[in-house]
Structure formats: C-alpha cells, structure tokens
Amino acid sequence: LQKELLKYKQEARNLQGIKDALQQRLIQQDAAVLQLKQELLRANMDKEELHNQNVDLQRKVEERNRLLAEYKKELCQKDRHLQQHQSKLDEMLRQLSEASYQQVDLERELEHKEALLAHCMKRDAEE
C-alpha cells in the first residue's frame, strides 16, 4: 500500500507540475491575447483616424476642384473679352492707319494747291 501510495503521490506531484505549467502557459497566452487586443484596438483607432483624414482630404480636393473649375470659367470669359477687345483694337488701328494715309494725301494735295496758288500769285505779280 505504501508503494502504491508513493506511486500515487508521485503521480499527483507530476500532475500538479503539469497543471502548474499549463496554468503558467495559460497566463502567458492570456497576456499575449490581451496585448494583441490592445494592438488591434490601436490599429482600429489608427484606421479610423486615417479614414477621417482621408474624408477630410477628399473634401478639400473636391473644394479645390470646384474652385479650379470656377477659375477656369472666369479665365475663359476673360479670354473672350480679351479677344473682343483685341479685335476692336485691330479695327481701330486699321482705321487710324487709313486716316493717316488720308492725312498724308490731304497734306500732299494742300502742298500742291499751295504751290499752284504761289505760282498763280507769282504770275499775277509778274503781269
């Protein structure tokens, strides 16, 4: 009986050692699970923050695109106005050039008539 008792005590000690080892391993795994949960929580928070930043950036991009479209529209209108003013300026320059040619012609005609008048007056004076 004593041998059997010693055998069972030894078996109980072995089982207690295995139990203690398993409990230690369970504690380590619980700690690891807890650490993983914390990392997952941090990762989810980071993901949420990135999502919010992404939404904010998308809103800013849309706003800038809207402004860009408005600026392009204004630029097109200003280009049209500039083209209109350019064609008016070209027309005025053409008219000015024509007027300048007419002025030169009139000045020549005036010089010719003045020369004729001077010639006639010289002839009258000689007569």
Protein backbone atom coordinates (compact mmCIF):
# COMPACT_ATOMS: atom_id res chain seq x y z
CA LEU A 1 0.00 0.00 0.00
CA GLN A 2 2.83 2.31 0.79
CA LYS A 3 4.40 1.70 -2.57
CA GLU A 4 1.08 2.38 -4.21
CA LEU A 5 0.62 5.49 -2.05
CA LEU A 6 4.08 6.73 -3.05
CA LYS A 7 3.28 5.99 -6.64
CA TYR A 8 0.04 7.98 -6.46
CA LYS A 9 1.74 10.81 -4.59
CA GLN A 10 4.42 10.90 -7.29
CA GLU A 11 1.72 10.85 -9.94
CA ALA A 12 -0.14 13.63 -8.09
CA ARG A 13 3.07 15.71 -7.93
CA ASN A 14 3.64 15.12 -11.66
CA LEU A 15 0.06 16.08 -12.42
CA GLN A 16 0.40 19.16 -10.16
CA GLY A 17 3.58 20.14 -12.05
CA ILE A 18 1.82 19.69 -15.37
CA LYS A 19 -1.14 21.69 -14.03
CA ASP A 20 1.19 24.48 -12.81
CA ALA A 21 2.99 24.52 -16.16
CA LEU A 22 -0.32 24.66 -18.05
CA GLN A 23 -1.57 27.44 -15.79
CA GLN A 24 1.66 29.38 -16.40
CA ARG A 25 1.28 28.83 -20.14
CA LEU A 26 -2.38 29.93 -19.93
CA ILE A 27 -1.33 33.13 -18.11
CA GLN A 28 1.25 33.84 -20.83
CA GLN A 29 -1.30 33.22 -23.57
CA ASP A 30 -3.83 35.48 -21.81
CA ALA A 31 -1.18 38.20 -21.63
CA ALA A 32 -0.39 37.70 -25.31
CA VAL A 33 -4.10 37.83 -26.20
CA LEU A 34 -4.50 40.99 -24.13
CA GLN A 35 -1.51 42.56 -25.89
CA LEU A 36 -2.94 41.58 -29.30
CA LYS A 37 -6.31 43.08 -28.34
CA GLN A 38 -4.59 46.34 -27.37
CA GLU A 39 -2.67 46.37 -30.65
CA LEU A 40 -5.88 45.66 -32.54
CA LEU A 41 -7.64 48.49 -30.72
CA ARG A 42 -4.76 50.86 -31.55
CA ALA A 43 -4.78 49.68 -35.17
CA ASN A 44 -8.55 50.26 -35.38
CA MET A 45 -8.16 53.72 -33.88
CA ASP A 46 -5.36 54.50 -36.35
CA LYS A 47 -7.51 53.15 -39.16
CA GLU A 48 -10.43 55.35 -38.08
CA GLU A 49 -8.12 58.38 -37.85
CA LEU A 50 -6.76 57.67 -41.34
CA HIS A 51 -10.30 57.26 -42.65
CA ASN A 52 -11.27 60.63 -41.15
CA GLN A 53 -8.16 62.27 -42.62
CA ASN A 54 -8.95 60.68 -45.98
CA VAL A 55 -12.51 62.01 -45.88
CA ASP A 56 -11.19 65.46 -44.95
CA LEU A 57 -8.63 65.37 -47.76
CA GLN A 58 -11.26 64.25 -50.25
CA ARG A 59 -13.48 67.15 -49.17
CA LYS A 60 -10.57 69.56 -49.62
CA VAL A 61 -9.76 68.11 -53.05
CA GLU A 62 -13.40 68.48 -54.11
CA GLU A 63 -13.42 72.08 -52.87
CA ARG A 64 -10.20 72.85 -54.75
CA ASN A 65 -11.57 71.18 -57.88
CA ARG A 66 -14.71 73.32 -57.61
CA LEU A 67 -12.60 76.45 -57.23
CA LEU A 68 -10.41 75.37 -60.14
CA ALA A 69 -13.49 74.92 -62.33
CA GLU A 70 -14.69 78.41 -61.34
CA TYR A 71 -11.28 79.90 -62.11
CA LYS A 72 -11.20 78.15 -65.50
CA LYS A 73 -14.67 79.50 -66.27
CA GLU A 74 -13.59 83.04 -65.30
CA LEU A 75 -10.42 82.66 -67.35
CA CYS A 76 -12.43 81.60 -70.42
CA GLN A 77 -14.71 84.63 -70.00
CA LYS A 78 -11.70 86.93 -69.67
CA ASP A 79 -10.13 85.33 -72.75
CA ARG A 80 -13.32 86.03 -74.73
CA HIS A 81 -13.33 89.65 -73.51
CA LEU A 82 -9.66 89.97 -74.40
CA GLN A 83 -10.30 88.62 -77.90
CA GLN A 84 -13.19 91.06 -78.34
CA HIS A 85 -11.03 93.97 -77.20
CA GLN A 86 -8.16 92.77 -79.40
CA SER A 87 -10.38 92.73 -82.49
CA LYS A 88 -11.72 96.22 -81.61
CA LEU A 89 -8.13 97.42 -81.16
CA ASP A 90 -7.12 95.90 -84.51
CA GLU A 91 -10.08 97.64 -86.19
CA MET A 92 -9.16 100.97 -84.59
CA LEU A 93 -5.53 100.56 -85.66
CA ARG A 94 -6.71 99.86 -89.22
CA GLN A 95 -8.93 102.96 -89.14
CA LEU A 96 -6.06 105.00 -87.72
CA SER A 97 -3.78 103.76 -90.47
CA GLU A 98 -6.39 104.69 -93.11
CA ALA A 99 -6.82 108.10 -91.51
CA SER A 100 -3.06 108.55 -91.52
CA TYR A 101 -2.91 107.72 -95.25
CA GLN A 102 -5.76 110.16 -95.91
CA GLN A 103 -3.96 112.83 -93.90
CA VAL A 104 -0.81 112.32 -95.97
CA ASP A 105 -2.87 112.54 -99.18
CA LEU A 106 -4.60 115.70 -97.96
CA GLU A 107 -1.26 117.23 -96.96
CA ARG A 108 0.14 116.49 -100.45
CA GLU A 109 -2.96 117.94 -102.06
CA LEU A 110 -2.65 121.02 -99.83
CA GLU A 111 1.04 121.41 -100.75
CA HIS A 112 0.14 121.07 -104.44
CA LYS A 113 -2.62 123.66 -104.16
CA GLU A 114 -0.35 125.97 -102.19
CA ALA A 115 2.28 125.57 -104.92
CA LEU A 116 -0.37 126.33 -107.58
CA LEU A 117 -1.55 129.31 -105.57
CA ALA A 118 2.00 130.57 -105.18
CA HIS A 119 2.59 130.06 -108.91
CA CYS A 120 -0.64 131.90 -109.79
CA MET A 121 0.20 134.74 -107.41
CA LYS A 122 3.68 134.96 -108.89
CA ARG A 123 2.20 135.15 -112.37
CA ASP A 124 -0.31 137.78 -111.28
CA ALA A 125 2.51 139.75 -109.74
CA GLU A 126 4.52 139.49 -112.97
CA GLU A 127 1.58 140.61 -115.07
